[in-house]
Amino acid sequence: MSAVTLTTKRTGSRRYSRGSYYWYIIPGLIAFVAVIGYPLFRNVQTSFTSWNGYGPQKYVGFRNYERLMHDQSFWISFFHAAEFIAAMSLIPTVLGLIFGALIFDFISPYFGQGWTTFFRASLFMPQIIPITAISILWSWLLSPNTGVFNTMLKSVGISNPPNWLGNDHTVIFAMSIMLVWIQIGYTVTIFITGMSRIDPALQEAAQLDGARWWQRFRSITISQLAPEISIVVLTTTVAAVKIFAPIQIMTSGGPGNATYVPSFYSYFNFFTTQKVGYGSAISTVLTVILSIIAVGMFKFQNSRGVDL
């Protein structure tokens, strides 16, 4: 058999082998189209109609989107989402870096793996508890009459403690505390995992040069954790923008519109006011904004040479 024939057969075999891998994409592609692609297409299509959820749809063009531009509640909901970004992304990222470094650099070497596992599991526990259960628990903790927080405040002499979830001046703060508590375990776990891949020689060399822990943390740990920080900021920011369940369970957007967020406002128009077309327009805008945030952050990371 000639060399040309062998080369041709090997090339054809490689092409067949490479092409056979594409068959494994089909189940996932079908699931994506069925679960995400088609519903998204129908949502965008519905956003150009006036519809109450049953009966014929009336095409209205861009009227729903024009209305959004002048809807104060819509813009307020995005302002609240920006506030929740601090509670679900910025603060947990900073605290996760500090707590993760303390656990990795002090608790693990001096107290052993058992205590390290205990602290990591304790901090991560809110991530595995259903959000419905967490929301109900915190509603009880923040109850104005029988809640733990107000009971403690009364015990130290504060006779008129705040109604945390019933006052538009305190509700965002109260829910932000809960969201920080939920998210910090996720950030700590990611950062400790990232710290385990940092070359110990870097820390040892800096320590020999007289660098203190805080200096090593700033100069080595944070810079080496750039990929993990990027992933954490991206995922928590997206989660903050599309937050829904705690709002629905704990405040229902109230008091007034003090905790309106885009996902809840879309839900409110879908099922309460039965303005399905308008609710679809809100969902479509939210999808576009989340996509822009994700793409923008990926481009920023790539421009800084962060390999995800």
Protein backbone atom coordinates (compact mmCIF):
# COMPACT_ATOMS: atom_id res chain seq x y z
CA MET A 1 0.00 0.00 0.00
CA SER A 2 1.46 3.33 -1.03
CA ALA A 3 2.30 6.11 1.36
CA VAL A 4 -0.26 8.38 -0.35
CA THR A 5 -3.04 5.85 0.28
CA LEU A 6 -2.04 5.47 3.93
CA THR A 7 -1.96 9.24 4.40
CA THR A 8 -5.38 9.57 2.76
CA LYS A 9 -6.87 6.85 5.00
CA ARG A 10 -5.37 8.39 8.15
CA THR A 11 -6.69 11.84 7.22
CA GLY A 12 -10.14 10.42 6.53
CA SER A 13 -10.05 8.50 9.80
CA ARG A 14 -9.11 11.66 11.74
CA ARG A 15 -11.92 13.61 10.06
CA TYR A 16 -14.42 10.86 10.91
CA SER A 17 -13.17 10.70 14.50
CA ARG A 18 -13.36 14.49 14.85
CA GLY A 19 -16.80 14.61 13.25
CA SER A 20 -18.14 11.88 15.52
CA TYR A 21 -17.66 14.12 18.54
CA TYR A 22 -20.29 16.54 17.24
CA TRP A 23 -22.98 13.90 17.77
CA TYR A 24 -22.47 14.30 21.52
CA ILE A 25 -23.50 17.95 21.25
CA ILE A 26 -26.96 17.13 19.91
CA PRO A 27 -28.66 16.12 23.24
CA GLY A 28 -27.38 19.26 24.98
CA LEU A 29 -28.32 21.42 22.00
CA ILE A 30 -31.85 19.99 21.94
CA ALA A 31 -32.21 20.59 25.69
CA PHE A 32 -30.91 24.16 25.31
CA VAL A 33 -33.35 24.97 22.52
CA ALA A 34 -36.28 23.40 24.40
CA VAL A 35 -35.56 24.91 27.82
CA ILE A 36 -33.92 28.25 26.97
CA GLY A 37 -33.91 29.03 23.26
CA TYR A 38 -37.60 28.60 22.39
CA PRO A 39 -38.96 30.21 25.61
CA LEU A 40 -36.61 33.15 25.05
CA PHE A 41 -37.81 33.51 21.46
CA ARG A 42 -41.46 33.39 22.58
CA ASN A 43 -40.77 35.93 25.34
CA VAL A 44 -39.22 38.38 22.86
CA GLN A 45 -42.12 37.79 20.47
CA THR A 46 -44.67 38.43 23.24
CA SER A 47 -42.89 41.66 24.24
CA PHE A 48 -44.19 43.24 21.01
CA THR A 49 -47.81 42.50 21.91
CA SER A 50 -50.52 43.60 24.30
CA TRP A 51 -51.76 40.44 25.99
CA ASN A 52 -53.39 39.53 29.30
CA GLY A 53 -52.30 35.87 29.26
CA TYR A 54 -55.28 34.40 27.44
CA GLY A 55 -57.13 35.12 24.26
CA PRO A 56 -55.60 36.62 21.12
CA GLN A 57 -52.45 38.74 21.25
CA LYS A 58 -52.52 42.25 19.83
CA TYR A 59 -49.36 43.41 18.08
CA VAL A 60 -48.27 46.85 19.35
CA GLY A 61 -44.72 47.10 18.00
CA PHE A 62 -42.27 48.89 20.27
CA ARG A 63 -44.96 50.47 22.44
CA ASN A 64 -44.02 48.36 25.51
CA TYR A 65 -40.37 49.39 25.20
CA GLU A 66 -41.31 53.05 24.77
CA ARG A 67 -43.38 52.81 27.93
CA LEU A 68 -40.42 51.31 29.78
CA MET A 69 -38.32 54.38 29.05
CA HIS A 70 -40.79 56.52 31.03
CA ASP A 71 -41.67 53.98 33.75
CA GLN A 72 -40.28 55.23 37.05
CA SER A 73 -40.81 51.87 38.76
CA PHE A 74 -38.73 50.17 36.07
CA TRP A 75 -35.75 52.47 36.66
CA ILE A 76 -36.16 52.25 40.44
CA SER A 77 -35.98 48.46 40.17
CA PHE A 78 -32.58 48.69 38.45
CA PHE A 79 -31.36 51.12 41.10
CA HIS A 80 -32.28 48.58 43.77
CA ALA A 81 -30.53 45.84 41.77
CA ALA A 82 -27.39 48.00 41.79
CA GLU A 83 -27.66 48.25 45.58
CA PHE A 84 -27.94 44.48 45.85
CA ILE A 85 -24.78 44.11 43.73
CA ALA A 86 -22.90 45.58 46.70
CA ALA A 87 -24.49 43.04 49.03
CA MET A 88 -24.12 39.99 46.78
CA SER A 89 -20.91 40.78 44.90
CA LEU A 90 -18.66 43.56 46.20
CA ILE A 91 -18.84 43.04 49.97
CA PRO A 92 -18.74 39.20 49.83
CA THR A 93 -15.78 39.34 47.44
CA VAL A 94 -13.75 41.56 49.77
CA LEU A 95 -14.73 39.62 52.90
CA GLY A 96 -14.21 36.31 51.10
CA LEU A 97 -10.65 37.26 50.21
CA ILE A 98 -9.84 38.28 53.79
CA PHE A 99 -11.57 35.34 55.51
CA GLY A 100 -10.22 32.88 52.95
CA ALA A 101 -6.65 34.12 53.50
CA LEU A 102 -7.02 33.95 57.28
CA ILE A 103 -8.33 30.39 57.11
CA PHE A 104 -5.68 29.29 54.61
CA ASP A 105 -2.69 31.07 56.19
CA PHE A 106 -3.46 30.76 59.91
CA ILE A 107 -6.21 28.30 60.81
CA SER A 108 -5.06 25.54 58.45
CA PRO A 109 -1.34 25.49 59.42
CA TYR A 110 -1.80 26.15 63.15
CA PHE A 111 -5.08 24.38 64.00
CA GLY A 112 -5.20 21.62 61.41
CA GLN A 113 -7.47 20.49 58.62
CA GLY A 114 -10.36 19.67 60.95
CA TRP A 115 -10.91 23.28 61.98
CA THR A 116 -10.38 24.45 58.42
CA THR A 117 -13.11 22.11 57.20
CA PHE A 118 -15.41 23.25 60.04
CA PHE A 119 -15.07 26.93 59.15
CA ARG A 120 -15.43 26.31 55.41
CA ALA A 121 -18.52 24.13 55.91
CA SER A 122 -20.07 26.60 58.36
CA LEU A 123 -19.61 29.52 55.99
CA PHE A 124 -20.81 27.54 52.98
CA MET A 125 -23.93 26.17 54.70
CA PRO A 126 -26.26 29.01 53.53
CA GLN A 127 -25.42 28.08 49.92
CA ILE A 128 -26.96 24.60 50.25
CA ILE A 129 -30.05 25.59 52.25
CA PRO A 130 -33.06 26.25 49.96
CA ILE A 131 -33.53 29.97 49.44
CA THR A 132 -37.20 29.61 50.42
CA ALA A 133 -36.23 28.28 53.84
CA ILE A 134 -33.61 31.00 54.28
CA SER A 135 -36.10 33.72 53.37
CA ILE A 136 -38.68 32.41 55.84
CA LEU A 137 -36.02 32.13 58.55
CA TRP A 138 -34.82 35.69 58.05
CA SER A 139 -38.41 36.98 57.93
CA TRP A 140 -38.81 35.55 61.41
CA LEU A 141 -35.43 36.93 62.59
CA LEU A 142 -36.40 40.40 61.32
CA SER A 143 -39.98 40.31 62.62
CA PRO A 144 -40.76 43.63 64.39
CA ASN A 145 -42.50 42.02 67.39
CA THR A 146 -41.07 38.55 67.94
CA GLY A 147 -37.89 38.63 65.86
CA VAL A 148 -34.53 37.80 67.43
CA PHE A 149 -32.91 41.09 66.39
CA ASN A 150 -35.60 43.31 67.87
CA THR A 151 -35.81 41.15 71.00
CA MET A 152 -32.09 41.69 71.53
CA LEU A 153 -32.45 45.43 70.95
CA LYS A 154 -35.28 45.64 73.50
CA SER A 155 -33.18 43.74 76.02
CA VAL A 156 -30.49 46.44 75.88
CA GLY A 157 -32.94 49.28 76.40
CA ILE A 158 -34.11 50.20 72.89
CA SER A 159 -37.87 50.33 73.43
CA ASN A 160 -38.87 51.10 69.86
CA PRO A 161 -36.67 49.04 67.49
CA PRO A 162 -37.19 49.45 63.74
CA ASN A 163 -39.57 47.45 61.60
CA TRP A 164 -36.79 46.12 59.39
CA LEU A 165 -38.87 44.84 56.49
CA GLY A 166 -41.74 47.29 56.86
CA ASN A 167 -39.76 50.53 56.64
CA ASP A 168 -38.49 51.72 53.27
CA HIS A 169 -35.42 53.24 54.98
CA THR A 170 -34.26 49.94 56.54
CA VAL A 171 -35.54 47.19 54.26
CA ILE A 172 -32.65 47.35 51.75
CA PHE A 173 -30.11 47.34 54.58
CA ALA A 174 -31.79 44.40 56.33
CA MET A 175 -31.98 42.30 53.18
CA SER A 176 -28.41 43.21 52.26
CA ILE A 177 -27.17 41.74 55.53
CA MET A 178 -28.95 38.49 54.69
CA LEU A 179 -27.50 38.41 51.17
CA VAL A 180 -23.95 39.00 52.45
CA TRP A 181 -24.46 36.10 54.87
CA ILE A 182 -25.62 33.87 52.02
CA GLN A 183 -22.87 34.76 49.56
CA ILE A 184 -19.75 34.89 51.72
CA GLY A 185 -19.40 31.09 51.93
CA TYR A 186 -19.33 30.83 48.15
CA THR A 187 -16.56 33.41 47.81
CA VAL A 188 -14.48 31.91 50.65
CA THR A 189 -14.66 28.43 49.10
CA ILE A 190 -13.61 29.66 45.66
CA PHE A 191 -10.73 31.74 47.02
CA ILE A 192 -9.36 29.03 49.33
CA THR A 193 -9.36 26.65 46.38
CA GLY A 194 -7.45 29.25 44.37
CA MET A 195 -4.93 29.82 47.15
CA SER A 196 -4.02 26.14 47.14
CA ARG A 197 -2.60 26.48 43.62
CA ILE A 198 -0.33 29.45 44.45
CA ASP A 199 3.34 28.47 44.49
CA PRO A 200 4.45 28.49 48.19
CA ALA A 201 7.89 29.65 47.06
CA LEU A 202 6.44 33.09 46.31
CA GLN A 203 5.20 33.48 49.88
CA GLU A 204 8.43 32.10 51.34
CA ALA A 205 10.60 34.44 49.28
CA ALA A 206 8.53 37.46 50.28
CA GLN A 207 8.64 36.39 53.93
CA LEU A 208 12.44 36.07 53.78
CA ASP A 209 12.58 39.59 52.38
CA GLY A 210 10.74 40.83 55.45
CA ALA A 211 7.26 41.23 53.99
CA ARG A 212 4.51 41.01 56.57
CA TRP A 213 1.31 39.01 56.10
CA TRP A 214 -0.75 41.98 54.92
CA GLN A 215 1.91 42.93 52.37
CA ARG A 216 2.08 39.36 51.05
CA PHE A 217 -1.69 39.25 50.91
CA ARG A 218 -1.90 42.44 48.82
CA SER A 219 1.07 41.78 46.53
CA ILE A 220 0.92 38.02 46.01
CA THR A 221 -2.39 36.49 47.04
CA ILE A 222 -4.71 39.02 45.39
CA SER A 223 -2.70 39.20 42.16
CA GLN A 224 -2.48 35.40 41.88
CA LEU A 225 -6.22 35.05 42.48
CA ALA A 226 -7.19 37.26 39.53
CA PRO A 227 -9.01 34.44 37.65
CA GLU A 228 -11.00 33.43 40.73
CA ILE A 229 -11.87 37.04 41.55
CA SER A 230 -13.10 37.56 37.99
CA ILE A 231 -15.33 34.50 38.11
CA VAL A 232 -16.73 35.41 41.54
CA VAL A 233 -17.49 39.01 40.56
CA LEU A 234 -19.16 37.91 37.31
CA THR A 235 -21.36 35.18 38.82
CA THR A 236 -22.38 37.18 41.89
CA THR A 237 -23.13 40.31 39.86
CA VAL A 238 -25.41 38.35 37.52
CA ALA A 239 -27.09 36.74 40.54
CA ALA A 240 -27.66 40.17 42.10
CA VAL A 241 -29.22 41.64 38.97
CA LYS A 242 -31.67 38.74 38.59
CA ILE A 243 -32.48 38.26 42.29
CA PHE A 244 -36.11 37.26 42.81
CA ALA A 245 -36.98 34.65 45.46
CA PRO A 246 -36.03 36.60 48.64
CA ILE A 247 -37.92 39.65 47.37
CA GLN A 248 -41.03 37.66 46.55
CA ILE A 249 -41.09 35.76 49.86
CA MET A 250 -39.98 38.46 52.30
CA THR A 251 -41.34 41.77 51.00
CA SER A 252 -43.32 41.23 47.77
CA GLY A 253 -41.55 44.31 46.45
CA GLY A 254 -42.65 46.45 49.40
CA PRO A 255 -43.09 48.48 51.35
CA GLY A 256 -44.46 50.37 48.36
CA ASN A 257 -41.85 49.80 45.68
CA ALA A 258 -38.87 49.96 48.06
CA THR A 259 -37.59 46.51 47.03
CA TYR A 260 -38.68 46.37 43.42
CA VAL A 261 -36.03 44.64 41.31
CA PRO A 262 -36.28 43.94 37.55
CA SER A 263 -37.12 40.24 37.87
CA PHE A 264 -39.83 40.88 40.47
CA TYR A 265 -41.24 43.81 38.50
CA SER A 266 -41.50 41.56 35.45
CA TYR A 267 -43.24 38.89 37.56
CA PHE A 268 -45.57 41.53 39.00
CA ASN A 269 -46.69 42.58 35.53
CA PHE A 270 -47.03 38.98 34.38
CA PHE A 271 -49.19 37.60 37.18
CA THR A 272 -50.61 40.53 39.18
CA THR A 273 -51.56 43.14 36.61
CA GLN A 274 -51.78 40.54 33.78
CA LYS A 275 -49.80 42.78 31.44
CA VAL A 276 -47.93 39.86 29.94
CA GLY A 277 -46.58 41.77 26.96
CA TYR A 278 -45.17 44.48 29.21
CA GLY A 279 -43.69 41.91 31.58
CA SER A 280 -42.06 40.18 28.60
CA ALA A 281 -40.50 43.48 27.54
CA ILE A 282 -39.00 43.90 31.03
CA SER A 283 -37.62 40.35 30.90
CA THR A 284 -36.14 40.97 27.45
CA VAL A 285 -34.39 44.15 28.58
CA LEU A 286 -33.08 42.33 31.66
CA THR A 287 -31.70 39.53 29.45
CA VAL A 288 -29.94 42.05 27.21
CA ILE A 289 -28.43 43.88 30.19
CA LEU A 290 -27.19 40.63 31.76
CA SER A 291 -25.63 39.61 28.44
CA ILE A 292 -23.90 42.98 28.12
CA ILE A 293 -22.56 42.70 31.67
CA ALA A 294 -21.21 39.18 31.03
CA VAL A 295 -19.62 40.03 27.68
CA GLY A 296 -18.19 43.28 29.02
CA MET A 297 -16.61 41.58 32.02
CA PHE A 298 -15.13 38.83 29.84
CA LYS A 299 -13.61 41.41 27.51
CA PHE A 300 -12.22 43.35 30.46
CA GLN A 301 -10.67 40.19 31.87
CA ASN A 302 -9.16 39.26 28.51
CA SER A 303 -7.72 42.74 28.09
CA ARG A 304 -5.93 42.31 31.42
CA GLY A 305 -4.63 38.90 30.42
CA VAL A 306 -6.74 36.98 32.95
CA ASP A 307 -7.04 33.36 31.85
CA LEU A 308 -10.37 31.90 32.92
